[in-house]
């Protein structure tokens, strides 16, 4: 596990399998773009679709540390109310958080300090 508060910035790759579409998102860097819970087990990040520059391309992604695994959800998912199980690959300077089911796959690249 890694400390979610050490995330410097994120990039998101979201694949809609049934439609064969892939979208890329990057974190919006302003003072209100990220919220971390006091227990440091949940972080909410504001991201923007790299292909859209208006408010229609702004979303939230939430990462939750659940002991030895992660859960994620986002308001751009097919089912935004559902927490999806995710696995993590931890490297020296970044972490890959990956969630995949039959309909969609999300890869979050977290650059850490």
PDB file of N, CA and C in Angstrom:
ATOM      1  N   UNK A   1       0.834  -1.185   0.000  1.00  0.00           N
ATOM      2  CA  UNK A   1       0.000   0.000   0.000  1.00  0.00           C
ATOM      3  C   UNK A   1       0.878   1.247   0.000  1.00  0.00           C
ATOM      4  N   UNK A   2       0.331   2.297  -0.504  1.00  0.00           N
ATOM      5  CA  UNK A   2       1.055   3.559  -0.477  1.00  0.00           C
ATOM      6  C   UNK A   2       0.147   4.626   0.115  1.00  0.00           C
ATOM      7  N   UNK A   3       0.751   5.674   0.592  1.00  0.00           N
ATOM      8  CA  UNK A   3       0.039   6.774   1.226  1.00  0.00           C
ATOM      9  C   UNK A   3      -0.590   7.645   0.131  1.00  0.00           C
ATOM     10  N   UNK A   4      -1.910   7.694   0.082  1.00  0.00           N
ATOM     11  CA  UNK A   4      -2.611   8.459  -0.952  1.00  0.00           C
ATOM     12  C   UNK A   4      -2.251   9.940  -0.927  1.00  0.00           C
ATOM     13  N   UNK A   5      -1.849  10.449   0.240  1.00  0.00           N
ATOM     14  CA  UNK A   5      -1.502  11.869   0.330  1.00  0.00           C
ATOM     15  C   UNK A   5      -0.193  12.184  -0.396  1.00  0.00           C
ATOM     16  N   UNK A   6       0.558  11.164  -0.791  1.00  0.00           N
ATOM     17  CA  UNK A   6       1.819  11.383  -1.515  1.00  0.00           C
ATOM     18  C   UNK A   6       1.616  11.529  -3.023  1.00  0.00           C
ATOM     19  N   UNK A   7       0.369  11.425  -3.480  1.00  0.00           N
ATOM     20  CA  UNK A   7       0.095  11.602  -4.906  1.00  0.00           C
ATOM     21  C   UNK A   7       0.368  13.054  -5.290  1.00  0.00           C
ATOM     22  N   UNK A   8       1.223  13.239  -6.287  1.00  0.00           N
ATOM     23  CA  UNK A   8       1.533  14.578  -6.799  1.00  0.00           C
ATOM     24  C   UNK A   8       0.551  14.980  -7.893  1.00  0.00           C
ATOM     25  N   UNK A   9       0.324  14.100  -8.844  1.00  0.00           N
ATOM     26  CA  UNK A   9      -0.663  14.334  -9.891  1.00  0.00           C
ATOM     27  C   UNK A   9      -1.030  12.990 -10.505  1.00  0.00           C
ATOM     28  N   UNK A  10      -2.114  12.977 -11.265  1.00  0.00           N
ATOM     29  CA  UNK A  10      -2.576  11.725 -11.862  1.00  0.00           C
ATOM     30  C   UNK A  10      -2.884  11.917 -13.341  1.00  0.00           C
ATOM     31  N   UNK A  11      -2.867  10.804 -14.030  1.00  0.00           N
ATOM     32  CA  UNK A  11      -3.349  10.710 -15.404  1.00  0.00           C
ATOM     33  C   UNK A  11      -4.287   9.511 -15.427  1.00  0.00           C
ATOM     34  N   UNK A  12      -5.347   9.590 -16.194  1.00  0.00           N
ATOM     35  CA  UNK A  12      -6.334   8.518 -16.242  1.00  0.00           C
ATOM     36  C   UNK A  12      -6.551   8.094 -17.690  1.00  0.00           C
ATOM     37  N   UNK A  13      -6.563   6.784 -17.893  1.00  0.00           N
ATOM     38  CA  UNK A  13      -6.927   6.214 -19.194  1.00  0.00           C
ATOM     39  C   UNK A  13      -8.178   5.387 -18.948  1.00  0.00           C
ATOM     40  N   UNK A  14      -9.256   5.714 -19.648  1.00  0.00           N
ATOM     41  CA  UNK A  14     -10.538   5.046 -19.446  1.00  0.00           C
ATOM     42  C   UNK A  14     -10.975   4.427 -20.763  1.00  0.00           C
ATOM     43  N   UNK A  15     -11.189   3.119 -20.768  1.00  0.00           N
ATOM     44  CA  UNK A  15     -11.555   2.396 -21.986  1.00  0.00           C
ATOM     45  C   UNK A  15     -12.989   1.889 -21.897  1.00  0.00           C
ATOM     46  N   UNK A  16     -13.810   2.272 -22.874  1.00  0.00           N
ATOM     47  CA  UNK A  16     -15.173   1.772 -23.013  1.00  0.00           C
ATOM     48  C   UNK A  16     -15.089   0.591 -23.983  1.00  0.00           C
ATOM     49  N   UNK A  17     -15.044  -0.611 -23.474  1.00  0.00           N
ATOM     50  CA  UNK A  17     -14.769  -1.784 -24.307  1.00  0.00           C
ATOM     51  C   UNK A  17     -15.831  -2.035 -25.373  1.00  0.00           C
ATOM     52  N   UNK A  18     -17.098  -1.960 -25.001  1.00  0.00           N
ATOM     53  CA  UNK A  18     -18.170  -2.275 -25.953  1.00  0.00           C
ATOM     54  C   UNK A  18     -18.195  -1.316 -27.137  1.00  0.00           C
ATOM     55  N   UNK A  19     -17.809  -0.075 -26.895  1.00  0.00           N
ATOM     56  CA  UNK A  19     -17.816   0.920 -27.962  1.00  0.00           C
ATOM     57  C   UNK A  19     -16.455   1.063 -28.634  1.00  0.00           C
ATOM     58  N   UNK A  20     -15.439   0.460 -28.035  1.00  0.00           N
ATOM     59  CA  UNK A  20     -14.097   0.571 -28.593  1.00  0.00           C
ATOM     60  C   UNK A  20     -13.511   1.968 -28.481  1.00  0.00           C
ATOM     61  N   UNK A  21     -13.902   2.702 -27.445  1.00  0.00           N
ATOM     62  CA  UNK A  21     -13.430   4.071 -27.257  1.00  0.00           C
ATOM     63  C   UNK A  21     -12.462   4.159 -26.087  1.00  0.00           C
ATOM     64  N   UNK A  22     -11.511   5.049 -26.183  1.00  0.00           N
ATOM     65  CA  UNK A  22     -10.574   5.310 -25.096  1.00  0.00           C
ATOM     66  C   UNK A  22     -10.529   6.812 -24.863  1.00  0.00           C
ATOM     67  N   UNK A  23     -10.613   7.209 -23.592  1.00  0.00           N
ATOM     68  CA  UNK A  23     -10.521   8.619 -23.223  1.00  0.00           C
ATOM     69  C   UNK A  23      -9.352   8.803 -22.270  1.00  0.00           C
ATOM     70  N   UNK A  24      -8.738   9.971 -22.342  1.00  0.00           N
ATOM     71  CA  UNK A  24      -7.616  10.300 -21.466  1.00  0.00           C
ATOM     72  C   UNK A  24      -7.979  11.538 -20.661  1.00  0.00           C
ATOM     73  N   UNK A  25      -7.620  11.518 -19.391  1.00  0.00           N
ATOM     74  CA  UNK A  25      -7.937  12.606 -18.480  1.00  0.00           C
ATOM     75  C   UNK A  25      -6.680  12.996 -17.717  1.00  0.00           C
ATOM     76  N   UNK A  26      -6.611  14.246 -17.313  1.00  0.00           N
ATOM     77  CA  UNK A  26      -5.524  14.692 -16.456  1.00  0.00           C
ATOM     78  C   UNK A  26      -6.124  15.491 -15.310  1.00  0.00           C
ATOM     79  N   UNK A  27      -5.374  15.556 -14.225  1.00  0.00           N
ATOM     80  CA  UNK A  27      -5.859  16.248 -13.037  1.00  0.00           C
ATOM     81  C   UNK A  27      -5.881  17.750 -13.271  1.00  0.00           C
ATOM     82  N   UNK A  28      -6.915  18.383 -12.764  1.00  0.00           N
ATOM     83  CA  UNK A  28      -6.988  19.839 -12.776  1.00  0.00           C
ATOM     84  C   UNK A  28      -6.226  20.313 -11.546  1.00  0.00           C
ATOM     85  N   UNK A  29      -5.279  21.181 -11.739  1.00  0.00           N
ATOM     86  CA  UNK A  29      -4.444  21.634 -10.626  1.00  0.00           C
ATOM     87  C   UNK A  29      -4.878  23.014 -10.157  1.00  0.00           C
ATOM     88  N   UNK A  30      -5.807  23.039  -9.232  1.00  0.00           N
ATOM     89  CA  UNK A  30      -6.147  24.270  -8.541  1.00  0.00           C
ATOM     90  C   UNK A  30      -6.432  23.913  -7.090  1.00  0.00           C
ATOM     91  N   UNK A  31      -6.670  24.913  -6.273  1.00  0.00           N
ATOM     92  CA  UNK A  31      -6.759  24.665  -4.833  1.00  0.00           C
ATOM     93  C   UNK A  31      -7.946  23.787  -4.436  1.00  0.00           C
ATOM     94  N   UNK A  32      -8.957  23.670  -5.278  1.00  0.00           N
ATOM     95  CA  UNK A  32     -10.126  22.861  -4.942  1.00  0.00           C
ATOM     96  C   UNK A  32     -10.180  21.546  -5.704  1.00  0.00           C
ATOM     97  N   UNK A  33      -9.096  21.155  -6.343  1.00  0.00           N
ATOM     98  CA  UNK A  33      -9.140  19.988  -7.221  1.00  0.00           C
ATOM     99  C   UNK A  33      -8.933  18.664  -6.498  1.00  0.00           C
ATOM    100  N   UNK A  34      -8.541  18.703  -5.230  1.00  0.00           N
ATOM    101  CA  UNK A  34      -8.290  17.445  -4.531  1.00  0.00           C
ATOM    102  C   UNK A  34      -8.692  17.575  -3.069  1.00  0.00           C
ATOM    103  N   UNK A  35      -9.280  16.495  -2.559  1.00  0.00           N
ATOM    104  CA  UNK A  35      -9.667  16.427  -1.155  1.00  0.00           C
ATOM    105  C   UNK A  35      -9.233  15.074  -0.634  1.00  0.00           C
ATOM    106  N   UNK A  36      -8.510  15.079   0.479  1.00  0.00           N
ATOM    107  CA  UNK A  36      -8.098  13.819   1.090  1.00  0.00           C
ATOM    108  C   UNK A  36      -8.739  13.721   2.464  1.00  0.00           C
ATOM    109  N   UNK A  37      -9.258  12.537   2.781  1.00  0.00           N
ATOM    110  CA  UNK A  37      -9.916  12.320   4.071  1.00  0.00           C
ATOM    111  C   UNK A  37      -8.885  12.438   5.196  1.00  0.00           C
ATOM    112  N   UNK A  38      -9.322  12.849   6.391  1.00  0.00           N
ATOM    113  CA  UNK A  38      -8.394  12.968   7.520  1.00  0.00           C
ATOM    114  C   UNK A  38      -7.622  11.678   7.817  1.00  0.00           C
ATOM    115  N   UNK A  39      -8.243  10.523   7.591  1.00  0.00           N
ATOM    116  CA  UNK A  39      -7.553   9.256   7.845  1.00  0.00           C
ATOM    117  C   UNK A  39      -6.632   8.855   6.694  1.00  0.00           C
ATOM    118  N   UNK A  40      -6.585   9.662   5.646  1.00  0.00           N
ATOM    119  CA  UNK A  40      -5.735   9.463   4.463  1.00  0.00           C
ATOM    120  C   UNK A  40      -6.026   8.160   3.721  1.00  0.00           C
ATOM    121  N   UNK A  41      -7.240   7.632   3.874  1.00  0.00           N
ATOM    122  CA  UNK A  41      -7.616   6.397   3.188  1.00  0.00           C
ATOM    123  C   UNK A  41      -8.472   6.642   1.949  1.00  0.00           C
ATOM    124  N   UNK A  42      -8.928   7.869   1.745  1.00  0.00           N
ATOM    125  CA  UNK A  42      -9.741   8.202   0.577  1.00  0.00           C
ATOM    126  C   UNK A  42      -9.293   9.546   0.024  1.00  0.00           C
ATOM    127  N   UNK A  43      -9.172   9.608  -1.306  1.00  0.00           N
ATOM    128  CA  UNK A  43      -8.831  10.868  -1.961  1.00  0.00           C
ATOM    129  C   UNK A  43      -9.795  11.079  -3.124  1.00  0.00           C
ATOM    130  N   UNK A  44     -10.272  12.322  -3.254  1.00  0.00           N
ATOM    131  CA  UNK A  44     -11.163  12.716  -4.358  1.00  0.00           C
ATOM    132  C   UNK A  44     -10.381  13.713  -5.212  1.00  0.00           C
ATOM    133  N   UNK A  45     -10.327  13.432  -6.512  1.00  0.00           N
ATOM    134  CA  UNK A  45      -9.569  14.264  -7.439  1.00  0.00           C
ATOM    135  C   UNK A  45     -10.469  14.747  -8.567  1.00  0.00           C
ATOM    136  N   UNK A  46     -10.283  15.984  -8.979  1.00  0.00           N
ATOM    137  CA  UNK A  46     -11.007  16.522 -10.120  1.00  0.00           C
ATOM    138  C   UNK A  46     -10.130  16.355 -11.350  1.00  0.00           C
ATOM    139  N   UNK A  47     -10.712  15.766 -12.386  1.00  0.00           N
ATOM    140  CA  UNK A  47      -9.971  15.525 -13.617  1.00  0.00           C
ATOM    141  C   UNK A  47     -10.720  16.131 -14.794  1.00  0.00           C
ATOM    142  N   UNK A  48      -9.997  16.333 -15.885  1.00  0.00           N
ATOM    143  CA  UNK A  48     -10.607  16.906 -17.078  1.00  0.00           C
ATOM    144  C   UNK A  48     -10.248  16.057 -18.283  1.00  0.00           C
ATOM    145  N   UNK A  49     -11.242  15.844 -19.132  1.00  0.00           N
ATOM    146  CA  UNK A  49     -11.027  15.131 -20.392  1.00  0.00           C
ATOM    147  C   UNK A  49     -10.024  15.926 -21.221  1.00  0.00           C
ATOM    148  N   UNK A  50      -8.945  15.282 -21.627  1.00  0.00           N
ATOM    149  CA  UNK A  50      -7.903  15.974 -22.382  1.00  0.00           C
ATOM    150  C   UNK A  50      -8.380  16.482 -23.735  1.00  0.00           C
ATOM    151  N   UNK A  51      -9.503  15.960 -24.240  1.00  0.00           N
ATOM    152  CA  UNK A  51     -10.019  16.389 -25.539  1.00  0.00           C
ATOM    153  C   UNK A  51     -11.065  17.494 -25.439  1.00  0.00           C
ATOM    154  N   UNK A  52     -11.493  17.819 -24.222  1.00  0.00           N
ATOM    155  CA  UNK A  52     -12.524  18.845 -24.032  1.00  0.00           C
ATOM    156  C   UNK A  52     -11.992  19.934 -23.117  1.00  0.00           C
ATOM    157  N   UNK A  53     -12.262  21.175 -23.433  1.00  0.00           N
ATOM    158  CA  UNK A  53     -11.775  22.267 -22.596  1.00  0.00           C
ATOM    159  C   UNK A  53     -12.902  22.983 -21.851  1.00  0.00           C
ATOM    160  N   UNK A  54     -14.137  22.524 -22.033  1.00  0.00           N
ATOM    161  CA  UNK A  54     -15.251  23.173 -21.342  1.00  0.00           C
ATOM    162  C   UNK A  54     -15.656  22.366 -20.112  1.00  0.00           C
ATOM    163  N   UNK A  55     -16.633  22.861 -19.372  1.00  0.00           N
ATOM    164  CA  UNK A  55     -17.076  22.211 -18.142  1.00  0.00           C
ATOM    165  C   UNK A  55     -17.690  20.838 -18.367  1.00  0.00           C
ATOM    166  N   UNK A  56     -18.099  20.514 -19.593  1.00  0.00           N
ATOM    167  CA  UNK A  56     -18.677  19.199 -19.865  1.00  0.00           C
ATOM    168  C   UNK A  56     -17.657  18.081 -19.723  1.00  0.00           C
ATOM    169  N   UNK A  57     -16.378  18.401 -19.724  1.00  0.00           N
ATOM    170  CA  UNK A  57     -15.337  17.388 -19.626  1.00  0.00           C
ATOM    171  C   UNK A  57     -14.700  17.296 -18.260  1.00  0.00           C
ATOM    172  N   UNK A  58     -15.352  17.831 -17.215  1.00  0.00           N
ATOM    173  CA  UNK A  58     -14.795  17.818 -15.862  1.00  0.00           C
ATOM    174  C   UNK A  58     -15.518  16.771 -15.026  1.00  0.00           C
ATOM    175  N   UNK A  59     -14.731  15.925 -14.345  1.00  0.00           N
ATOM    176  CA  UNK A  59     -15.275  14.801 -13.582  1.00  0.00           C
ATOM    177  C   UNK A  59     -14.550  14.651 -12.254  1.00  0.00           C
ATOM    178  N   UNK A  60     -15.098  13.783 -11.419  1.00  0.00           N
ATOM    179  CA  UNK A  60     -14.481  13.416 -10.146  1.00  0.00           C
ATOM    180  C   UNK A  60     -14.100  11.945 -10.190  1.00  0.00           C
ATOM    181  N   UNK A  61     -12.953  11.612  -9.632  1.00  0.00           N
ATOM    182  CA  UNK A  61     -12.563  10.224  -9.427  1.00  0.00           C
ATOM    183  C   UNK A  61     -12.185  10.096  -7.953  1.00  0.00           C
ATOM    184  N   UNK A  62     -12.605   8.994  -7.342  1.00  0.00           N
ATOM    185  CA  UNK A  62     -12.333   8.758  -5.925  1.00  0.00           C
ATOM    186  C   UNK A  62     -11.562   7.454  -5.801  1.00  0.00           C
ATOM    187  N   UNK A  63     -10.470   7.498  -5.038  1.00  0.00           N
ATOM    188  CA  UNK A  63      -9.657   6.316  -4.763  1.00  0.00           C
ATOM    189  C   UNK A  63      -9.744   6.049  -3.272  1.00  0.00           C
ATOM    190  N   UNK A  64     -10.064   4.806  -2.911  1.00  0.00           N
ATOM    191  CA  UNK A  64     -10.196   4.425  -1.505  1.00  0.00           C
ATOM    192  C   UNK A  64      -9.243   3.271  -1.213  1.00  0.00           C
ATOM    193  N   UNK A  65      -8.433   3.436  -0.164  1.00  0.00           N
ATOM    194  CA  UNK A  65      -7.536   2.384   0.300  1.00  0.00           C
ATOM    195  C   UNK A  65      -8.334   1.480   1.234  1.00  0.00           C
ATOM    196  N   UNK A  66      -8.460   0.206   0.865  1.00  0.00           N
ATOM    197  CA  UNK A  66      -9.237  -0.759   1.659  1.00  0.00           C
ATOM    198  C   UNK A  66      -8.317  -1.856   2.197  1.00  0.00           C
ATOM    199  N   UNK A  67      -7.294  -1.453   2.953  1.00  0.00           N
ATOM    200  CA  UNK A  67      -6.374  -2.438   3.504  1.00  0.00           C
ATOM    201  C   UNK A  67      -5.379  -2.903   2.469  1.00  0.00           C
ATOM    202  N   UNK A  68      -5.563  -4.110   1.956  1.00  0.00           N
ATOM    203  CA  UNK A  68      -4.615  -4.644   0.981  1.00  0.00           C
ATOM    204  C   UNK A  68      -5.105  -4.509  -0.462  1.00  0.00           C
ATOM    205  N   UNK A  69      -6.153  -3.723  -0.694  1.00  0.00           N
ATOM    206  CA  UNK A  69      -6.619  -3.465  -2.054  1.00  0.00           C
ATOM    207  C   UNK A  69      -7.192  -2.058  -2.132  1.00  0.00           C
ATOM    208  N   UNK A  70      -7.606  -1.659  -3.327  1.00  0.00           N
ATOM    209  CA  UNK A  70      -8.169  -0.337  -3.558  1.00  0.00           C
ATOM    210  C   UNK A  70      -9.544  -0.468  -4.178  1.00  0.00           C
ATOM    211  N   UNK A  71     -10.333   0.571  -4.008  1.00  0.00           N
ATOM    212  CA  UNK A  71     -11.607   0.699  -4.700  1.00  0.00           C
ATOM    213  C   UNK A  71     -11.623   2.072  -5.343  1.00  0.00           C
ATOM    214  N   UNK A  72     -12.259   2.155  -6.507  1.00  0.00           N
ATOM    215  CA  UNK A  72     -12.361   3.434  -7.200  1.00  0.00           C
ATOM    216  C   UNK A  72     -13.778   3.623  -7.716  1.00  0.00           C
ATOM    217  N   UNK A  73     -14.149   4.870  -7.881  1.00  0.00           N
ATOM    218  CA  UNK A  73     -15.383   5.186  -8.586  1.00  0.00           C
ATOM    219  C   UNK A  73     -15.219   6.559  -9.209  1.00  0.00           C
ATOM    220  N   UNK A  74     -15.999   6.797 -10.244  1.00  0.00           N
ATOM    221  CA  UNK A  74     -15.928   8.068 -10.935  1.00  0.00           C
ATOM    222  C   UNK A  74     -17.276   8.400 -11.530  1.00  0.00           C
ATOM    223  N   UNK A  75     -17.557   9.683 -11.662  1.00  0.00           N
ATOM    224  CA  UNK A  75     -18.868  10.073 -12.178  1.00  0.00           C
ATOM    225  C   UNK A  75     -18.947   9.994 -13.700  1.00  0.00           C
ATOM    226  N   UNK A  76     -17.920   9.478 -14.364  1.00  0.00           N
ATOM    227  CA  UNK A  76     -17.961   9.247 -15.807  1.00  0.00           C
ATOM    228  C   UNK A  76     -18.030   7.761 -16.132  1.00  0.00           C
ATOM    229  N   UNK A  77     -18.096   6.908 -15.104  1.00  0.00           N
ATOM    230  CA  UNK A  77     -18.217   5.462 -15.306  1.00  0.00           C
ATOM    231  C   UNK A  77     -19.595   5.124 -15.862  1.00  0.00           C
ATOM    232  N   UNK A  78     -19.728   3.923 -16.415  1.00  0.00           N
ATOM    233  CA  UNK A  78     -21.027   3.426 -16.861  1.00  0.00           C
ATOM    234  C   UNK A  78     -21.995   3.403 -15.681  1.00  0.00           C
ATOM    235  N   UNK A  79     -21.530   2.957 -14.510  1.00  0.00           N
ATOM    236  CA  UNK A  79     -22.330   2.942 -13.277  1.00  0.00           C
ATOM    237  C   UNK A  79     -21.589   3.759 -12.219  1.00  0.00           C
ATOM    238  N   UNK A  80     -21.794   5.085 -12.171  1.00  0.00           N
ATOM    239  CA  UNK A  80     -20.998   5.942 -11.292  1.00  0.00           C
ATOM    240  C   UNK A  80     -21.225   5.733  -9.801  1.00  0.00           C
ATOM    241  N   UNK A  81     -22.302   5.069  -9.424  1.00  0.00           N
ATOM    242  CA  UNK A  81     -22.588   4.867  -8.000  1.00  0.00           C
ATOM    243  C   UNK A  81     -21.886   3.643  -7.423  1.00  0.00           C
ATOM    244  N   UNK A  82     -21.271   2.833  -8.258  1.00  0.00           N
ATOM    245  CA  UNK A  82     -20.659   1.574  -7.821  1.00  0.00           C
ATOM    246  C   UNK A  82     -19.175   1.773  -7.538  1.00  0.00           C
ATOM    247  N   UNK A  83     -18.714   1.174  -6.418  1.00  0.00           N
ATOM    248  CA  UNK A  83     -17.281   1.113  -6.132  1.00  0.00           C
ATOM    249  C   UNK A  83     -16.717  -0.092  -6.871  1.00  0.00           C
ATOM    250  N   UNK A  84     -15.654   0.112  -7.635  1.00  0.00           N
ATOM    251  CA  UNK A  84     -15.008  -0.957  -8.389  1.00  0.00           C
ATOM    252  C   UNK A  84     -13.715  -1.365  -7.699  1.00  0.00           C
ATOM    253  N   UNK A  85     -13.505  -2.678  -7.570  1.00  0.00           N
ATOM    254  CA  UNK A  85     -12.258  -3.166  -6.998  1.00  0.00           C
ATOM    255  C   UNK A  85     -11.123  -2.869  -7.960  1.00  0.00           C
ATOM    256  N   UNK A  86      -9.959  -2.569  -7.392  1.00  0.00           N
ATOM    257  CA  UNK A  86      -8.804  -2.233  -8.217  1.00  0.00           C
ATOM    258  C   UNK A  86      -7.547  -2.837  -7.616  1.00  0.00           C
ATOM    259  N   UNK A  87      -6.610  -3.110  -8.472  1.00  0.00           N
ATOM    260  CA  UNK A  87      -5.306  -3.589  -8.020  1.00  0.00           C
ATOM    261  C   UNK A  87      -4.291  -2.469  -8.210  1.00  0.00           C
ATOM    262  N   UNK A  88      -3.177  -2.564  -7.496  1.00  0.00           N
ATOM    263  CA  UNK A  88      -2.147  -1.532  -7.584  1.00  0.00           C
ATOM    264  C   UNK A  88      -0.799  -2.165  -7.892  1.00  0.00           C
ATOM    265  N   UNK A  89      -0.072  -1.514  -8.776  1.00  0.00           N
ATOM    266  CA  UNK A  89       1.312  -1.874  -9.066  1.00  0.00           C
ATOM    267  C   UNK A  89       2.142  -0.684  -8.605  1.00  0.00           C
ATOM    268  N   UNK A  90       2.940  -0.898  -7.566  1.00  0.00           N
ATOM    269  CA  UNK A  90       3.679   0.194  -6.940  1.00  0.00           C
ATOM    270  C   UNK A  90       5.129   0.184  -7.417  1.00  0.00           C
ATOM    271  N   UNK A  91       5.570   1.305  -7.980  1.00  0.00           N
ATOM    272  CA  UNK A  91       6.950   1.509  -8.404  1.00  0.00           C
ATOM    273  C   UNK A  91       7.551   2.635  -7.571  1.00  0.00           C
ATOM    274  N   UNK A  92       8.793   2.948  -7.822  1.00  0.00           N
ATOM    275  CA  UNK A  92       9.493   3.950  -7.026  1.00  0.00           C
ATOM    276  C   UNK A  92       8.861   5.338  -7.102  1.00  0.00           C
ATOM    277  N   UNK A  93       8.487   5.774  -8.299  1.00  0.00           N
ATOM    278  CA  UNK A  93       7.978   7.132  -8.452  1.00  0.00           C
ATOM    279  C   UNK A  93       6.543   7.222  -8.964  1.00  0.00           C
ATOM    280  N   UNK A  94       5.897   6.078  -9.174  1.00  0.00           N
ATOM    281  CA  UNK A  94       4.496   6.109  -9.594  1.00  0.00           C
ATOM    282  C   UNK A  94       3.794   4.802  -9.207  1.00  0.00           C
ATOM    283  N   UNK A  95       2.483   4.892  -9.178  1.00  0.00           N
ATOM    284  CA  UNK A  95       1.637   3.743  -8.856  1.00  0.00           C
ATOM    285  C   UNK A  95       0.591   3.631  -9.954  1.00  0.00           C
ATOM    286  N   UNK A  96       0.384   2.418 -10.453  1.00  0.00           N
ATOM    287  CA  UNK A  96      -0.691   2.155 -11.405  1.00  0.00           C
ATOM    288  C   UNK A  96      -1.837   1.515 -10.643  1.00  0.00           C
ATOM    289  N   UNK A  97      -3.007   2.114 -10.690  1.00  0.00           N
ATOM    290  CA  UNK A  97      -4.203   1.542 -10.083  1.00  0.00           C
ATOM    291  C   UNK A  97      -5.107   1.138 -11.242  1.00  0.00           C
ATOM    292  N   UNK A  98      -5.445  -0.149 -11.300  1.00  0.00           N
ATOM    293  CA  UNK A  98      -6.163  -0.687 -12.453  1.00  0.00           C
ATOM    294  C   UNK A  98      -7.441  -1.377 -12.009  1.00  0.00           C
ATOM    295  N   UNK A  99      -8.539  -1.014 -12.648  1.00  0.00           N
ATOM    296  CA  UNK A  99      -9.825  -1.662 -12.424  1.00  0.00           C
ATOM    297  C   UNK A  99     -10.376  -2.059 -13.785  1.00  0.00           C
ATOM    298  N   UNK A 100     -10.883  -3.297 -13.871  1.00  0.00           N
ATOM    299  CA  UNK A 100     -11.373  -3.779 -15.160  1.00  0.00           C
ATOM    300  C   UNK A 100     -12.533  -4.734 -14.960  1.00  0.00           C
ATOM    301  N   UNK A 101     -13.560  -4.575 -15.789  1.00  0.00           N
ATOM    302  CA  UNK A 101     -14.647  -5.547 -15.855  1.00  0.00           C
ATOM    303  C   UNK A 101     -14.987  -5.757 -17.332  1.00  0.00           C
ATOM    304  N   UNK A 102     -16.096  -6.384 -17.617  1.00  0.00           N
ATOM    305  CA  UNK A 102     -16.446  -6.712 -19.002  1.00  0.00           C
ATOM    306  C   UNK A 102     -16.716  -5.473 -19.856  1.00  0.00           C
ATOM    307  N   UNK A 103     -17.165  -4.382 -19.236  1.00  0.00           N
ATOM    308  CA  UNK A 103     -17.557  -3.191 -19.986  1.00  0.00           C
ATOM    309  C   UNK A 103     -16.488  -2.105 -20.067  1.00  0.00           C
ATOM    310  N   UNK A 104     -15.677  -1.989 -19.029  1.00  0.00           N
ATOM    311  CA  UNK A 104     -14.774  -0.855 -18.950  1.00  0.00           C
ATOM    312  C   UNK A 104     -13.475  -1.204 -18.231  1.00  0.00           C
ATOM    313  N   UNK A 105     -12.447  -0.437 -18.524  1.00  0.00           N
ATOM    314  CA  UNK A 105     -11.158  -0.584 -17.849  1.00  0.00           C
ATOM    315  C   UNK A 105     -10.628   0.810 -17.571  1.00  0.00           C
ATOM    316  N   UNK A 106     -10.205   1.030 -16.333  1.00  0.00           N
ATOM    317  CA  UNK A 106      -9.620   2.303 -15.979  1.00  0.00           C
ATOM    318  C   UNK A 106      -8.235   2.073 -15.418  1.00  0.00           C
ATOM    319  N   UNK A 107      -7.294   2.840 -15.909  1.00  0.00           N
ATOM    320  CA  UNK A 107      -5.933   2.822 -15.398  1.00  0.00           C
ATOM    321  C   UNK A 107      -5.624   4.226 -14.900  1.00  0.00           C
ATOM    322  N   UNK A 108      -5.276   4.328 -13.613  1.00  0.00           N
ATOM    323  CA  UNK A 108      -4.898   5.607 -13.026  1.00  0.00           C
ATOM    324  C   UNK A 108      -3.399   5.560 -12.778  1.00  0.00           C
ATOM    325  N   UNK A 109      -2.680   6.487 -13.367  1.00  0.00           N
ATOM    326  CA  UNK A 109      -1.240   6.597 -13.144  1.00  0.00           C
ATOM    327  C   UNK A 109      -1.044   7.699 -12.117  1.00  0.00           C
ATOM    328  N   UNK A 110      -0.602   7.315 -10.922  1.00  0.00           N
ATOM    329  CA  UNK A 110      -0.379   8.262  -9.832  1.00  0.00           C
ATOM    330  C   UNK A 110       1.115   8.539  -9.723  1.00  0.00           C
ATOM    331  N   UNK A 111       1.518   9.762  -9.953  1.00  0.00           N
ATOM    332  CA  UNK A 111       2.911  10.157  -9.747  1.00  0.00           C
ATOM    333  C   UNK A 111       3.038  10.525  -8.274  1.00  0.00           C
ATOM    334  N   UNK A 112       3.981   9.892  -7.577  1.00  0.00           N
ATOM    335  CA  UNK A 112       4.094  10.078  -6.131  1.00  0.00           C
ATOM    336  C   UNK A 112       5.438  10.701  -5.763  1.00  0.00           C
ATOM    337  N   UNK A 113       5.451  11.333  -4.591  1.00  0.00           N
ATOM    338  CA  UNK A 113       6.680  11.959  -4.076  1.00  0.00           C
ATOM    339  C   UNK A 113       7.433  10.974  -3.215  1.00  0.00           C
TER     340      UNK A 113
END
